[in-house]
Amino acid sequence: MASTPNAAIASPVWLEMPSPNGEPRPNGATISVIVIHDTQEDNEKLVLGLFTSRSFRKTPHYTITKSGAIFKHLDDYQMGAHAGKSCFLGRTKVNQFSIGIELVNKGDGKDCFPYDQYLSLAKLVYYLMGKHNIAFSHVVGHRDVAIPAGRKTDPASNFSFSKLRRLVEIEAARH
């Protein structure tokens, strides 16, 4: 599935919970990848507190809770610190050209990713694909870009990219 050409799609509803840790993207890097993570923690209050703390330098652009609430921490055009040492299609430093989305989840392969969380993720991914002209093939897991291979395992093994893809396709059909 290619990205949608319609950048005028309305954004999903999110709550602003800004982080002080965003940085300018180097040389105006174009956003071309969406990286999906899990938080390795299911305490939403703790997770959101960390991502908005000046001292916890790791910050994604968005966090989605199990109930499907979306929290926005950084403007898309800021660089977040979420992918670490990484490479995608031969390009290193994935943080420079990606958007990071954290899903509240223990990351143990047993903690479920509820339907409402998938649905909010699909709406956000569809919106970001249209806004930044990103193909679904560039929606990846942290485990897919982390180097060395095997350094990261998120999102957990029970996360389904095929389910996400189906929900994104349903979202596309609605527009």
Protein backbone atom coordinates (compact mmCIF):
# COMPACT_ATOMS: atom_id res chain seq x y z
CA MET A 1 0.00 0.00 0.00
CA ALA A 2 1.44 3.35 -0.95
CA SER A 3 1.03 6.37 1.20
CA THR A 4 -2.01 8.48 0.66
CA PRO A 5 -1.47 11.54 -1.54
CA ASN A 6 -3.98 13.58 0.45
CA ALA A 7 -2.06 15.60 3.05
CA ALA A 8 -5.28 17.40 4.01
CA ILE A 9 -6.56 14.48 6.12
CA ALA A 10 -7.66 15.62 9.56
CA SER A 11 -5.41 14.58 12.39
CA PRO A 12 -6.67 12.14 14.98
CA VAL A 13 -7.45 13.59 18.40
CA TRP A 14 -4.47 13.81 20.72
CA LEU A 15 -3.55 15.49 23.95
CA GLU A 16 -0.52 17.73 23.99
CA MET A 17 2.01 16.60 26.60
CA PRO A 18 5.18 18.39 25.42
CA SER A 19 8.68 17.19 26.07
CA PRO A 20 11.57 19.63 26.45
CA ASN A 21 13.87 17.16 24.70
CA GLY A 22 13.19 17.75 21.00
CA GLU A 23 15.96 19.03 18.76
CA PRO A 24 16.03 20.48 15.26
CA ARG A 25 16.40 17.85 12.55
CA PRO A 26 19.83 18.18 10.97
CA ASN A 27 19.92 19.84 7.56
CA GLY A 28 16.13 19.89 7.38
CA ALA A 29 15.97 16.10 7.03
CA THR A 30 12.78 14.87 5.39
CA ILE A 31 10.61 12.58 7.50
CA SER A 32 10.40 9.22 5.73
CA VAL A 33 10.00 6.52 8.40
CA ILE A 34 7.63 5.79 11.29
CA VAL A 35 9.15 3.67 14.06
CA ILE A 36 6.82 1.73 16.36
CA HIS A 37 8.00 0.97 19.91
CA ASP A 38 6.61 -0.49 23.09
CA THR A 39 7.34 1.14 26.41
CA GLN A 40 8.44 -2.03 28.27
CA GLU A 41 6.25 -0.68 31.08
CA ASP A 42 2.48 -0.63 31.50
CA ASN A 43 2.21 2.17 34.07
CA GLU A 44 0.89 4.96 31.83
CA LYS A 45 1.47 7.72 34.37
CA LEU A 46 5.10 6.69 34.84
CA VAL A 47 5.71 6.41 31.09
CA LEU A 48 4.18 9.80 30.30
CA GLY A 49 6.12 11.39 33.15
CA LEU A 50 9.39 10.01 31.83
CA PHE A 51 8.77 11.12 28.25
CA THR A 52 8.10 14.68 29.39
CA SER A 53 11.01 14.88 31.82
CA ARG A 54 14.09 16.93 30.93
CA SER A 55 16.30 14.36 32.66
CA PHE A 56 15.01 11.30 30.73
CA ARG A 57 16.44 12.21 27.35
CA LYS A 58 14.57 9.48 25.42
CA THR A 59 11.51 11.00 23.81
CA PRO A 60 9.18 9.74 21.08
CA HIS A 61 6.85 12.01 19.15
CA TYR A 62 3.71 10.21 20.34
CA THR A 63 2.59 7.73 23.01
CA ILE A 64 -0.60 5.68 22.73
CA THR A 65 -2.13 4.20 25.86
CA LYS A 66 -3.96 0.88 26.03
CA SER A 67 -7.30 2.73 26.00
CA GLY A 68 -6.28 4.41 22.72
CA ALA A 69 -5.51 7.89 24.07
CA ILE A 70 -2.81 9.57 21.99
CA PHE A 71 -0.32 11.93 23.63
CA LYS A 72 1.87 14.17 21.50
CA HIS A 73 5.29 15.02 22.95
CA LEU A 74 7.13 16.61 20.04
CA ASP A 75 6.26 18.42 16.86
CA ASP A 76 6.80 16.09 13.90
CA TYR A 77 9.48 18.38 12.55
CA GLN A 78 11.57 18.07 15.70
CA MET A 79 13.99 15.19 16.12
CA GLY A 80 13.15 12.84 18.97
CA ALA A 81 15.46 10.43 20.76
CA HIS A 82 13.76 7.06 20.27
CA ALA A 83 15.64 4.85 17.81
CA GLY A 84 19.19 5.05 19.21
CA LYS A 85 21.92 3.44 17.15
CA SER A 86 19.97 2.53 14.04
CA CYS A 87 19.87 2.04 10.29
CA PHE A 88 17.07 1.89 7.71
CA LEU A 89 17.74 1.00 4.07
CA GLY A 90 21.41 1.92 4.47
CA ARG A 91 20.75 5.24 6.20
CA THR A 92 22.06 5.47 9.75
CA LYS A 93 20.83 7.71 12.58
CA VAL A 94 17.16 6.94 12.03
CA ASN A 95 16.10 9.55 14.61
CA GLN A 96 17.08 12.21 12.08
CA PHE A 97 14.40 11.20 9.56
CA SER A 98 11.75 9.35 11.54
CA ILE A 99 8.77 9.78 13.83
CA GLY A 100 8.66 7.58 16.93
CA ILE A 101 5.43 6.18 18.35
CA GLU A 102 5.44 4.39 21.71
CA LEU A 103 2.71 1.93 22.64
CA VAL A 104 2.16 1.44 26.36
CA ASN A 105 2.92 -2.26 26.80
CA LYS A 106 5.17 -4.44 28.98
CA GLY A 107 6.89 -5.74 25.86
CA ASP A 108 7.00 -9.30 27.19
CA GLY A 109 5.06 -10.89 24.32
CA LYS A 110 2.17 -11.69 26.70
CA ASP A 111 0.79 -8.23 27.50
CA CYS A 112 -1.86 -7.59 24.86
CA PHE A 113 -2.08 -4.64 22.52
CA PRO A 114 -5.82 -3.85 22.83
CA TYR A 115 -8.00 -3.13 19.82
CA ASP A 116 -8.49 0.52 20.86
CA GLN A 117 -4.72 0.98 20.93
CA TYR A 118 -4.38 -0.56 17.43
CA LEU A 119 -7.24 1.60 16.16
CA SER A 120 -5.67 4.83 17.45
CA LEU A 121 -2.30 3.73 16.07
CA ALA A 122 -3.86 3.06 12.65
CA LYS A 123 -5.49 6.49 12.59
CA LEU A 124 -2.24 8.19 13.60
CA VAL A 125 -0.13 6.17 11.14
CA TYR A 126 -2.57 6.88 8.31
CA TYR A 127 -2.51 10.59 9.11
CA LEU A 128 1.31 10.69 9.32
CA MET A 129 1.67 8.69 6.09
CA GLY A 130 -0.43 11.28 4.28
CA LYS A 131 1.15 14.30 5.93
CA HIS A 132 4.72 13.18 5.23
CA ASN A 133 4.18 11.04 2.09
CA ILE A 134 5.38 7.85 3.79
CA ALA A 135 4.68 4.39 2.33
CA PHE A 136 3.45 1.66 4.71
CA SER A 137 6.66 -0.25 3.90
CA HIS A 138 8.42 2.51 5.89
CA VAL A 139 6.34 1.84 9.02
CA VAL A 140 8.69 -0.38 11.00
CA GLY A 141 9.43 -1.68 14.45
CA HIS A 142 12.33 -0.51 16.58
CA ARG A 143 13.71 -4.06 16.25
CA ASP A 144 13.84 -3.57 12.46
CA VAL A 145 16.16 -0.56 12.60
CA ALA A 146 18.25 -1.10 15.76
CA ILE A 147 21.89 -2.00 15.25
CA PRO A 148 23.37 -4.39 15.88
CA ALA A 149 20.47 -6.65 14.86
CA GLY A 150 18.78 -8.15 17.90
CA ARG A 151 19.66 -5.21 20.16
CA LYS A 152 15.96 -4.28 20.46
CA THR A 153 12.85 -6.46 20.40
CA ASP A 154 10.08 -3.89 20.32
CA PRO A 155 7.34 -3.88 19.58
CA ALA A 156 6.88 -7.23 21.32
CA SER A 157 6.41 -10.44 19.36
CA ASN A 158 2.62 -10.37 19.83
CA PHE A 159 2.30 -7.03 18.00
CA SER A 160 0.82 -7.59 14.53
CA PHE A 161 1.95 -5.38 11.66
CA SER A 162 -0.54 -7.19 9.41
CA LYS A 163 -3.37 -6.17 11.77
CA LEU A 164 -2.07 -2.60 11.75
CA ARG A 165 -1.90 -2.65 7.96
CA ARG A 166 -5.51 -3.88 7.69
CA LEU A 167 -6.70 -1.11 10.03
CA VAL A 168 -4.73 1.51 8.06
CA GLU A 169 -6.35 0.23 4.86
CA ILE A 170 -9.78 0.52 6.48
CA GLU A 171 -8.93 4.06 7.56
CA ALA A 172 -7.83 4.87 3.99
CA ALA A 173 -11.12 3.50 2.60
CA ARG A 174 -13.05 5.84 4.91
CA HIS A 175 -11.44 8.90 3.29
